[in-house]
N, C-alpha and C. Protein backbone atom coordinates (compact mmCIF):
# COMPACT_ATOMS: atom_id res chain seq x y z
N MET A 1 -7.54 5.06 21.25
CA MET A 1 -9.02 4.86 20.54
C MET A 1 -9.90 5.82 20.11
N ILE A 2 -9.78 6.95 20.81
CA ILE A 2 -10.76 8.08 20.23
C ILE A 2 -9.94 8.75 18.82
N PHE A 3 -8.95 8.48 18.51
CA PHE A 3 -8.23 8.87 17.23
C PHE A 3 -8.54 8.14 16.20
N THR A 4 -9.08 7.03 16.27
CA THR A 4 -9.47 6.19 15.14
C THR A 4 -10.97 6.77 14.41
N ASN A 5 -11.81 7.19 15.53
CA ASN A 5 -12.90 8.17 14.91
C ASN A 5 -12.79 9.09 13.91
N MET A 6 -11.38 9.70 14.10
CA MET A 6 -11.01 10.88 13.45
C MET A 6 -10.37 10.69 12.10
N ILE A 7 -10.11 9.58 11.36
CA ILE A 7 -9.27 9.09 10.57
C ILE A 7 -10.30 8.18 9.77
N LEU A 8 -11.32 8.55 9.07
CA LEU A 8 -12.68 8.30 8.57
C LEU A 8 -12.11 7.02 7.68
N ASP A 9 -11.03 6.96 6.87
CA ASP A 9 -10.83 5.60 6.13
C ASP A 9 -9.99 4.65 6.58
N LEU A 10 -9.57 4.97 7.89
CA LEU A 10 -8.90 4.01 8.77
C LEU A 10 -9.85 2.61 8.33
N ASN A 11 -11.14 2.31 8.41
CA ASN A 11 -11.99 1.31 8.37
C ASN A 11 -11.92 0.53 7.14
N VAL A 12 -10.86 1.03 5.88
CA VAL A 12 -11.54 0.32 4.98
C VAL A 12 -10.69 -0.79 4.52
N GLY A 13 -11.04 -1.94 4.41
CA GLY A 13 -10.83 -2.83 4.32
C GLY A 13 -9.63 -2.97 3.14
N PHE A 14 -8.74 -4.05 2.78
CA PHE A 14 -7.87 -4.19 1.81
C PHE A 14 -8.72 -4.11 0.42
N GLU A 15 -9.78 -5.19 0.19
CA GLU A 15 -10.51 -5.23 -1.06
C GLU A 15 -11.14 -3.25 -1.47
N ALA A 16 -11.60 -2.96 -0.61
CA ALA A 16 -12.26 -1.84 -0.89
C ALA A 16 -10.80 -0.63 -0.94
N LEU A 17 -9.75 -0.79 -0.17
CA LEU A 17 -8.66 -0.02 -0.44
C LEU A 17 -8.12 -0.24 -1.97
N MET A 18 -8.17 -1.14 -2.52
CA MET A 18 -7.66 -1.57 -3.78
C MET A 18 -8.66 -1.08 -5.08
N LEU A 19 -10.04 -1.35 -4.68
CA LEU A 19 -11.17 -1.05 -5.57
C LEU A 19 -11.13 0.29 -5.63
N GLN A 20 -11.50 1.06 -4.23
CA GLN A 20 -12.06 2.02 -4.18
C GLN A 20 -11.00 3.72 -4.27
N ILE A 21 -10.04 3.01 -3.67
CA ILE A 21 -8.61 4.25 -3.72
C ILE A 21 -7.38 3.62 -4.89
N LEU A 22 -6.80 2.56 -4.84
CA LEU A 22 -5.64 2.43 -5.67
C LEU A 22 -5.73 2.40 -7.12
N LEU A 23 -6.80 1.25 -7.41
CA LEU A 23 -7.18 1.14 -8.49
C LEU A 23 -7.47 2.46 -9.47
N PRO A 24 -8.77 3.21 -8.72
CA PRO A 24 -8.84 4.40 -9.62
C PRO A 24 -7.65 5.30 -9.74
N LEU A 25 -6.78 5.67 -8.57
CA LEU A 25 -5.44 6.44 -8.95
C LEU A 25 -4.85 6.00 -9.95
N ILE A 26 -4.34 4.50 -9.80
CA ILE A 26 -3.62 4.09 -10.60
C ILE A 26 -3.91 4.29 -12.07
N LEU A 27 -5.26 3.76 -12.47
CA LEU A 27 -5.78 4.00 -13.65
C LEU A 27 -5.79 5.57 -14.26
N THR A 28 -6.38 6.45 -13.31
CA THR A 28 -6.19 7.92 -13.65
C THR A 28 -4.77 8.49 -14.06
N PHE A 29 -3.80 7.99 -13.02
CA PHE A 29 -2.24 8.21 -13.30
C PHE A 29 -2.09 7.68 -14.85
N LEU A 30 -2.44 6.44 -15.19
CA LEU A 30 -2.01 6.16 -16.58
C LEU A 30 -2.59 6.55 -17.81
N PHE A 31 -4.04 7.11 -17.63
CA PHE A 31 -4.61 7.46 -18.49
C PHE A 31 -3.98 8.98 -18.49
N ALA A 32 -4.15 9.56 -17.58
CA ALA A 32 -3.29 11.15 -17.81
C ALA A 32 -1.93 11.28 -18.30
N SER A 33 -1.36 10.17 -17.86
CA SER A 33 0.22 10.04 -18.51
C SER A 33 0.38 10.29 -20.18
N PHE A 34 -0.83 9.30 -20.52
CA PHE A 34 -0.74 8.91 -21.97
C PHE A 34 -1.05 10.39 -22.73
N VAL A 35 -2.31 11.01 -22.06
CA VAL A 35 -2.83 12.17 -23.04
C VAL A 35 -1.82 13.08 -22.52
N GLY A 36 -1.32 13.56 -21.31
CA GLY A 36 -0.34 14.31 -21.26
C GLY A 36 0.65 14.43 -22.03
N LEU A 37 1.75 12.97 -22.28
CA LEU A 37 2.51 12.99 -23.10
C LEU A 37 2.33 13.28 -24.61
N GLU A 38 1.09 12.84 -25.03
CA GLU A 38 0.95 12.96 -26.16
C GLU A 38 0.90 14.55 -26.46
N ARG A 39 0.07 15.44 -25.76
CA ARG A 39 -0.04 16.71 -25.73
C ARG A 39 1.49 17.37 -25.64
N GLN A 40 2.13 16.94 -24.83
CA GLN A 40 3.64 17.54 -24.63
C GLN A 40 4.49 17.27 -26.07
N ASN A 41 4.12 16.01 -26.56
CA ASN A 41 5.02 15.61 -27.60
C ASN A 41 4.59 16.53 -29.08
N VAL A 42 3.47 17.05 -29.00
CA VAL A 42 2.84 18.13 -29.94
C VAL A 42 3.08 19.32 -29.78
N GLY A 43 3.91 19.64 -28.97
CA GLY A 43 4.25 21.10 -28.21
C GLY A 43 3.36 21.94 -27.51
N LYS A 44 2.26 21.48 -26.74
CA LYS A 44 1.32 21.91 -26.16
C LYS A 44 1.83 22.33 -24.85
N ALA A 45 1.13 23.72 -24.43
CA ALA A 45 1.51 24.40 -23.18
C ALA A 45 1.17 23.14 -21.65
N ALA A 46 0.16 22.76 -22.15
CA ALA A 46 -0.23 21.59 -20.80
C ALA A 46 0.12 20.49 -21.44
N GLY A 47 1.23 20.09 -20.60
CA GLY A 47 1.62 18.29 -21.08
C GLY A 47 1.62 17.49 -20.02
N LEU A 48 2.58 16.63 -19.98
CA LEU A 48 2.53 15.47 -18.90
C LEU A 48 2.24 16.15 -17.52
N SER A 49 3.06 16.83 -16.98
CA SER A 49 2.83 17.06 -15.64
C SER A 49 1.52 17.92 -15.02
N SER A 50 0.95 18.77 -16.19
CA SER A 50 -0.56 19.41 -15.94
C SER A 50 -1.69 18.40 -15.62
N HIS A 51 -1.38 17.44 -17.16
CA HIS A 51 -2.16 16.57 -16.79
C HIS A 51 -2.46 15.68 -15.75
N ILE A 52 -1.35 15.01 -15.48
CA ILE A 52 -1.36 14.00 -14.32
C ILE A 52 -1.94 14.38 -12.93
N LEU A 53 -1.14 16.26 -12.70
CA LEU A 53 -1.46 16.44 -11.45
C LEU A 53 -3.13 16.80 -11.40
N VAL A 54 -3.56 17.58 -12.49
CA VAL A 54 -5.06 17.72 -12.37
C VAL A 54 -5.76 16.29 -12.28
N ALA A 55 -5.66 15.57 -13.12
CA ALA A 55 -6.44 14.51 -13.12
C ALA A 55 -6.11 13.71 -11.52
N MET A 56 -5.36 13.45 -11.11
CA MET A 56 -4.90 12.94 -10.02
C MET A 56 -5.71 13.36 -8.98
N GLY A 57 -5.72 14.82 -8.70
CA GLY A 57 -6.43 15.70 -7.80
C GLY A 57 -7.78 15.27 -8.00
N ALA A 58 -8.36 15.63 -9.26
CA ALA A 58 -9.91 15.41 -9.40
C ALA A 58 -10.04 13.95 -9.24
N ALA A 59 -9.64 12.80 -9.38
CA ALA A 59 -9.59 11.58 -9.12
C ALA A 59 -9.79 11.31 -7.40
N ALA A 60 -9.24 12.11 -7.07
CA ALA A 60 -9.01 11.93 -5.52
C ALA A 60 -10.21 12.39 -4.78
N ILE A 61 -10.63 13.73 -5.41
CA ILE A 61 -11.65 14.28 -4.73
C ILE A 61 -13.13 13.43 -5.13
N ALA A 62 -12.91 12.97 -6.28
CA ALA A 62 -14.27 11.92 -6.56
C ALA A 62 -14.25 10.75 -5.62
N ILE A 63 -13.17 10.21 -5.29
CA ILE A 63 -12.99 9.08 -4.42
C ILE A 63 -13.39 9.71 -2.87
N MET A 64 -12.99 10.84 -2.72
CA MET A 64 -13.34 11.30 -1.19
C MET A 64 -14.73 11.41 -1.03
N GLN A 65 -15.38 12.00 -2.10
CA GLN A 65 -16.85 12.28 -2.08
C GLN A 65 -17.51 11.03 -2.13
N ARG A 66 -17.37 9.95 -2.67
CA ARG A 66 -18.00 8.49 -2.50
C ARG A 66 -17.68 8.11 -1.20
N LEU A 67 -16.41 8.23 -0.70
CA LEU A 67 -16.42 7.83 0.80
C LEU A 67 -16.95 8.66 2.18
N MET A 68 -17.03 10.07 1.52
CA MET A 68 -18.01 10.99 2.32
C MET A 68 -19.32 10.29 2.28
N PHE A 69 -19.90 10.10 1.20
CA PHE A 69 -21.25 9.73 0.90
C PHE A 69 -21.35 7.99 1.64
N GLU A 70 -20.86 7.23 1.45
CA GLU A 70 -20.86 6.05 2.02
C GLU A 70 -20.94 6.38 3.75
N HIS A 71 -19.89 7.17 4.40
CA HIS A 71 -19.83 7.44 5.56
C HIS A 71 -21.02 7.76 6.23
N GLN A 72 -21.59 8.74 5.38
CA GLN A 72 -22.86 9.58 5.64
C GLN A 72 -23.69 8.29 5.79
N LEU A 73 -24.20 7.72 4.99
CA LEU A 73 -25.30 6.73 4.86
C LEU A 73 -24.91 5.80 6.08
N PHE A 74 -23.58 5.25 6.33
CA PHE A 74 -23.40 4.67 7.89
C PHE A 74 -24.19 5.32 8.80
N LEU A 75 -23.81 6.63 9.23
CA LEU A 75 -23.90 7.47 10.22
C LEU A 75 -25.61 7.38 10.28
N GLN A 76 -26.20 7.88 9.17
CA GLN A 76 -27.48 7.85 9.36
C GLN A 76 -28.30 6.53 9.71
N GLY A 77 -27.75 5.20 9.00
CA GLY A 77 -27.84 4.01 9.41
C GLY A 77 -28.27 3.66 10.92
N THR A 78 -26.93 4.40 11.65
CA THR A 78 -27.06 4.21 12.99
C THR A 78 -27.92 5.40 13.92
N GLY A 79 -28.74 6.08 13.20
CA GLY A 79 -29.51 7.01 14.02
C GLY A 79 -28.85 8.53 14.12
N VAL A 80 -27.76 8.72 13.69
CA VAL A 80 -26.94 10.17 14.01
C VAL A 80 -27.58 10.84 12.61
N GLU A 81 -28.07 11.82 12.99
CA GLU A 81 -28.44 12.93 11.78
C GLU A 81 -27.15 13.47 11.30
N ILE A 82 -27.43 13.57 10.10
CA ILE A 82 -26.40 14.11 9.26
C ILE A 82 -26.60 15.28 8.41
N ASP A 83 -25.57 16.05 8.00
CA ASP A 83 -25.98 17.58 7.29
C ASP A 83 -25.04 17.25 6.09
N PRO A 84 -25.83 16.90 4.97
CA PRO A 84 -25.12 17.08 3.86
C PRO A 84 -24.86 18.23 3.27
N GLU A 85 -25.05 19.66 3.70
CA GLU A 85 -24.68 20.68 3.20
C GLU A 85 -23.19 20.62 3.51
N GLY A 86 -22.50 20.18 4.45
CA GLY A 86 -21.07 20.42 4.45
C GLY A 86 -20.50 19.68 3.20
N GLN A 87 -20.74 19.44 2.59
CA GLN A 87 -19.84 18.70 1.18
C GLN A 87 -20.00 20.02 0.33
N ARG A 88 -21.16 20.86 0.36
CA ARG A 88 -20.96 22.05 -0.85
C ARG A 88 -19.74 23.09 -0.37
N VAL A 89 -19.19 22.83 0.53
CA VAL A 89 -17.52 23.60 0.68
C VAL A 89 -16.58 23.31 0.25
N ILE A 90 -16.68 21.70 -0.19
CA ILE A 90 -15.83 21.27 -1.25
C ILE A 90 -15.64 21.93 -2.62
N ALA A 91 -16.55 22.03 -2.84
CA ALA A 91 -16.99 22.76 -4.48
C ALA A 91 -16.59 23.84 -4.38
N GLN A 92 -16.66 24.72 -3.46
CA GLN A 92 -16.07 26.06 -3.41
C GLN A 92 -14.93 26.21 -2.96
N VAL A 93 -14.04 25.27 -2.41
CA VAL A 93 -12.78 25.30 -2.29
C VAL A 93 -11.86 24.93 -3.85
N VAL A 94 -12.75 24.26 -4.31
CA VAL A 94 -12.01 23.78 -5.67
C VAL A 94 -12.26 24.90 -6.62
N THR A 95 -13.22 25.48 -6.54
CA THR A 95 -13.50 26.89 -7.37
C THR A 95 -12.38 27.87 -6.92
N GLY A 96 -12.31 28.07 -5.77
CA GLY A 96 -11.58 29.22 -5.46
C GLY A 96 -9.98 28.92 -5.79
N ILE A 97 -9.33 27.56 -5.63
CA ILE A 97 -8.08 27.26 -5.93
C ILE A 97 -7.78 27.36 -7.31
N GLY A 98 -8.70 27.16 -8.32
CA GLY A 98 -8.56 27.17 -9.63
C GLY A 98 -8.57 28.84 -9.78
N PHE A 99 -9.11 29.87 -9.11
CA PHE A 99 -8.68 31.35 -9.41
C PHE A 99 -7.01 31.36 -8.96
N VAL A 100 -6.79 31.30 -7.86
CA VAL A 100 -5.49 30.65 -7.04
C VAL A 100 -4.61 30.67 -8.56
N GLY A 101 -4.81 29.13 -9.06
CA GLY A 101 -3.76 28.80 -9.95
C GLY A 101 -4.07 29.52 -11.44
N ALA A 102 -4.73 30.24 -11.46
CA ALA A 102 -4.91 30.89 -12.75
C ALA A 102 -4.00 32.24 -12.64
N GLY A 103 -3.89 32.60 -11.59
CA GLY A 103 -3.09 33.96 -11.27
C GLY A 103 -1.61 33.83 -11.43
N VAL A 104 -1.27 32.20 -11.36
CA VAL A 104 0.27 32.23 -11.74
C VAL A 104 0.80 31.90 -13.32
N ILE A 105 -0.40 31.75 -14.14
CA ILE A 105 -0.61 31.53 -15.53
C ILE A 105 -0.40 32.75 -16.21
N ILE A 106 0.62 32.85 -16.75
CA ILE A 106 1.30 34.02 -17.75
C ILE A 106 1.10 34.10 -19.32
N LYS A 107 1.10 34.86 -19.95
CA LYS A 107 1.35 34.82 -21.12
C LYS A 107 2.75 36.00 -21.58
N ASP A 108 3.98 35.55 -22.05
CA ASP A 108 4.67 36.60 -22.17
C ASP A 108 4.75 37.36 -23.46
N GLN A 109 5.89 38.13 -23.91
CA GLN A 109 6.03 38.90 -24.89
C GLN A 109 5.93 38.23 -26.17
N ALA A 110 6.32 36.50 -26.00
CA ALA A 110 6.47 36.20 -27.43
C ALA A 110 5.07 35.00 -27.61
N ASN A 111 4.08 35.46 -26.63
CA ASN A 111 3.00 34.71 -26.49
C ASN A 111 3.06 33.21 -26.25
N VAL A 112 3.93 33.14 -25.23
CA VAL A 112 4.38 31.67 -24.64
C VAL A 112 3.59 31.71 -23.46
N VAL A 113 2.63 30.55 -23.21
CA VAL A 113 2.03 30.92 -21.64
C VAL A 113 2.93 29.91 -21.04
N LYS A 114 3.11 30.61 -19.83
CA LYS A 114 4.03 29.69 -18.52
C LYS A 114 3.32 29.73 -17.22
N GLY A 115 3.55 28.74 -16.81
CA GLY A 115 3.03 28.66 -15.46
C GLY A 115 1.74 27.61 -14.96
N ILE A 116 1.66 26.70 -16.31
CA ILE A 116 0.49 25.97 -16.25
C ILE A 116 0.90 24.68 -15.13
N THR A 117 2.10 24.33 -15.27
CA THR A 117 2.42 23.19 -14.37
C THR A 117 2.41 23.66 -13.01
N THR A 118 2.53 24.67 -12.60
CA THR A 118 2.95 25.32 -11.24
C THR A 118 1.05 25.85 -10.79
N ALA A 119 0.24 25.84 -11.89
CA ALA A 119 -1.08 26.23 -11.27
C ALA A 119 -1.53 24.80 -10.95
N ALA A 120 -1.04 23.75 -11.49
CA ALA A 120 -1.52 22.35 -11.49
C ALA A 120 -1.03 21.96 -10.24
N THR A 121 0.08 22.19 -9.76
CA THR A 121 0.54 21.90 -8.54
C THR A 121 0.15 22.44 -7.22
N ILE A 122 -0.23 23.65 -7.55
CA ILE A 122 -1.15 24.46 -6.47
C ILE A 122 -2.57 24.00 -6.20
N TRP A 123 -2.81 23.39 -7.60
CA TRP A 123 -4.40 22.93 -7.27
C TRP A 123 -4.45 21.51 -6.66
N VAL A 124 -3.30 20.55 -6.95
CA VAL A 124 -3.20 19.19 -6.96
C VAL A 124 -2.83 19.13 -4.99
N THR A 125 -2.03 20.04 -4.64
CA THR A 125 -1.50 20.20 -3.43
C THR A 125 -2.77 20.81 -2.33
N ALA A 126 -3.53 21.61 -3.10
CA ALA A 126 -5.15 22.19 -2.19
C ALA A 126 -5.66 20.84 -2.11
N MET A 127 -5.76 20.11 -3.24
CA MET A 127 -6.92 18.86 -3.28
C MET A 127 -6.35 18.03 -1.99
N ILE A 128 -4.86 17.77 -2.08
CA ILE A 128 -4.74 16.90 -0.81
C ILE A 128 -4.75 17.41 0.56
N GLY A 129 -4.72 18.55 0.84
CA GLY A 129 -4.91 19.16 1.93
C GLY A 129 -6.23 19.09 1.91
N LEU A 130 -7.28 19.18 1.18
CA LEU A 130 -8.70 19.28 1.35
C LEU A 130 -9.12 17.64 2.10
N ILE A 131 -8.36 16.75 1.14
CA ILE A 131 -8.62 15.47 1.45
C ILE A 131 -7.98 14.80 2.71
N LEU A 132 -7.23 15.23 3.00
CA LEU A 132 -6.61 15.05 4.51
C LEU A 132 -7.17 15.80 5.65
N GLY A 133 -7.51 17.08 5.26
CA GLY A 133 -8.12 17.76 6.15
C GLY A 133 -9.57 17.33 6.43
N SER A 134 -10.37 16.68 5.42
CA SER A 134 -11.50 15.81 5.65
C SER A 134 -11.53 14.77 6.28
N GLY A 135 -10.37 14.29 6.86
CA GLY A 135 -10.16 13.04 7.79
C GLY A 135 -9.63 11.75 7.08
N TYR A 136 -9.67 11.61 5.54
CA TYR A 136 -9.36 10.88 4.75
C TYR A 136 -8.08 10.41 4.65
N ILE A 137 -7.28 10.07 5.61
CA ILE A 137 -5.63 10.15 5.85
C ILE A 137 -5.26 9.10 4.79
N ILE A 138 -5.77 7.91 4.52
CA ILE A 138 -5.03 6.95 3.89
C ILE A 138 -5.33 7.47 2.01
N LEU A 139 -6.38 7.83 1.68
CA LEU A 139 -6.58 8.51 0.50
C LEU A 139 -5.47 9.78 0.06
N GLY A 140 -5.76 10.77 1.07
CA GLY A 140 -4.58 11.89 1.38
C GLY A 140 -2.85 11.43 0.93
N SER A 141 -2.84 10.72 1.75
CA SER A 141 -1.39 10.00 1.71
C SER A 141 -1.14 9.39 0.68
N VAL A 142 -1.87 8.41 0.06
CA VAL A 142 -1.61 7.72 -1.16
C VAL A 142 -1.65 8.63 -2.43
N LEU A 143 -2.52 9.36 -2.30
CA LEU A 143 -2.21 10.69 -3.45
C LEU A 143 -0.90 11.13 -3.29
N GLY A 144 -0.82 11.88 -1.89
CA GLY A 144 0.52 12.76 -2.07
C GLY A 144 1.94 11.80 -2.22
N ILE A 145 1.65 10.58 -2.02
CA ILE A 145 2.77 9.68 -2.54
C ILE A 145 2.81 9.66 -3.73
N PHE A 146 2.05 9.40 -4.51
CA PHE A 146 1.96 9.39 -5.89
C PHE A 146 2.46 10.60 -6.69
N ILE A 147 1.78 11.66 -6.14
CA ILE A 147 2.48 13.16 -6.66
C ILE A 147 3.97 13.52 -6.40
N VAL A 148 4.43 13.06 -5.24
CA VAL A 148 5.92 13.04 -4.70
C VAL A 148 6.54 12.34 -5.69
N ILE A 149 6.12 11.00 -5.91
CA ILE A 149 7.31 10.20 -6.89
C ILE A 149 6.92 10.35 -8.14
N PHE A 150 6.16 10.90 -8.47
CA PHE A 150 5.80 11.76 -9.87
C PHE A 150 6.89 12.70 -10.15
N ILE A 151 7.00 13.79 -8.91
CA ILE A 151 7.45 15.06 -9.30
C ILE A 151 9.18 14.79 -9.20
N LEU A 152 9.68 13.93 -8.08
CA LEU A 152 10.92 13.13 -7.66
C LEU A 152 11.48 12.54 -8.99
N SER A 153 10.74 11.57 -9.74
CA SER A 153 11.11 10.76 -10.82
C SER A 153 11.18 11.93 -12.28
N ARG A 154 10.15 12.47 -12.33
CA ARG A 154 10.40 13.31 -13.57
C ARG A 154 11.36 14.60 -13.26
N ASP A 155 11.68 15.09 -12.20
CA ASP A 155 12.95 16.08 -11.92
C ASP A 155 14.41 15.20 -11.99
N LEU A 156 13.99 14.31 -11.53
CA LEU A 156 15.46 13.30 -11.40
C LEU A 156 15.99 12.80 -12.81
N SER A 157 14.81 12.57 -13.51
CA SER A 157 15.01 12.28 -15.16
C SER A 157 15.50 13.56 -15.98
N ARG A 158 15.24 14.79 -15.53
CA ARG A 158 15.50 15.70 -16.25
C ARG A 158 17.25 16.09 -15.71
N GLY A 159 17.74 15.82 -15.01
CA GLY A 159 18.60 15.73 -14.48
C GLY A 159 18.91 16.81 -13.37
N PHE A 160 18.04 16.98 -12.69
CA PHE A 160 18.15 18.14 -11.49
C PHE A 160 17.42 17.27 -10.21
N ASN A 161 17.98 17.73 -9.11
CA ASN A 161 17.25 17.50 -7.86
C ASN A 161 16.60 18.35 -7.21
N PRO A 162 15.28 18.02 -7.20
CA PRO A 162 13.97 18.85 -6.98
C PRO A 162 14.39 19.45 -5.49
N LEU A 163 14.87 18.82 -4.84
CA LEU A 163 15.19 19.26 -3.37
C LEU A 163 16.09 20.03 -3.01
N LYS A 164 17.03 20.38 -4.15
CA LYS A 164 18.28 21.38 -3.69
C LYS A 164 18.27 22.42 -4.74
N PRO A 165 18.50 23.47 -4.41
CA PRO A 165 18.41 24.84 -5.13
C PRO A 165 19.36 25.01 -6.31
N ASN A 166 18.60 25.22 -7.53
CA ASN A 166 19.32 25.08 -8.75
C ASN A 166 19.89 26.67 -9.06
N ILE A 167 21.02 26.74 -8.09
CA ILE A 167 21.52 28.36 -8.48
C ILE A 167 22.24 28.08 -9.60
N GLY A 168 22.15 28.91 -10.58
CA GLY A 168 23.13 29.69 -11.89
C GLY A 168 22.53 28.13 -12.90
N GLY A 169 21.89 27.59 -12.94
CA GLY A 169 21.83 26.30 -13.75
C GLY A 169 20.58 26.43 -14.49
N LYS A 170 19.96 25.68 -14.95
CA LYS A 170 18.58 25.35 -15.66
C LYS A 170 17.62 25.69 -15.05
N GLY A 171 16.65 26.81 -15.78
CA GLY A 171 15.58 27.01 -15.01
C GLY A 171 15.80 28.54 -14.01
N ASN A 172 17.22 29.35 -14.34
CA ASN A 172 16.94 30.74 -13.64
C ASN A 172 17.05 31.83 -14.50
N GLU A 173 16.62 31.34 -15.67
CA GLU A 173 16.69 32.74 -16.61
C GLU A 173 16.05 33.57 -16.09
N HIS A 174 14.86 33.31 -15.65
CA HIS A 174 13.59 34.84 -15.14
C HIS A 174 14.50 35.36 -13.95
N GLU A 175 15.55 34.66 -13.14
CA GLU A 175 16.12 35.44 -12.12
C GLU A 175 16.76 36.36 -12.48
N GLU A 176 17.56 35.87 -13.74
CA GLU A 176 18.42 37.26 -14.18
C GLU A 176 17.71 38.41 -14.74
N HIS A 177 16.79 38.08 -15.39
CA HIS A 177 15.90 39.18 -15.74
C HIS A 177 15.03 40.15 -14.64
N ARG A 178 15.17 39.50 -13.29
CA ARG A 178 14.72 40.33 -12.15
C ARG A 178 15.47 41.12 -11.65
N GLN A 179 16.62 41.07 -12.14
CA GLN A 179 18.06 41.55 -11.16
C GLN A 179 18.47 42.76 -11.93
């Protein structure tokens, strides 16, 4: 019973789960997919993957912030003194991870920007960790499942298994230049 106090979104009912977690994530996924696909089809560096990863991470942070606020209101109603300053840490983590992601984005000699999807995956995985670490196990798990399904389906549709190293195949052009 003591562990249920540590999973802060365990008490979310089915209706709240649908309206506060699943519905926003599904809608975010659909909208970001459309925008990302359009950008990708016109040849922009930030395409489908980048848009979906960034949007899903941002949606999850917003959902978590709302759930945190509701939980703090509940605690305050029971007489527990709350400290809203703890939510400021989230903003600092988001900013910091943005700098980490920027570090993997490079422009090559042909002025081609590379690494945007990698930066987005770094950012979204950091956000999943932030959400799960904040005690929102259901939200973090649902977001993680969405991202895993997205990456698996994307890579499998491209003809390679993301769980298997791609030795000598597509995507190893950079390895040859390093040797």
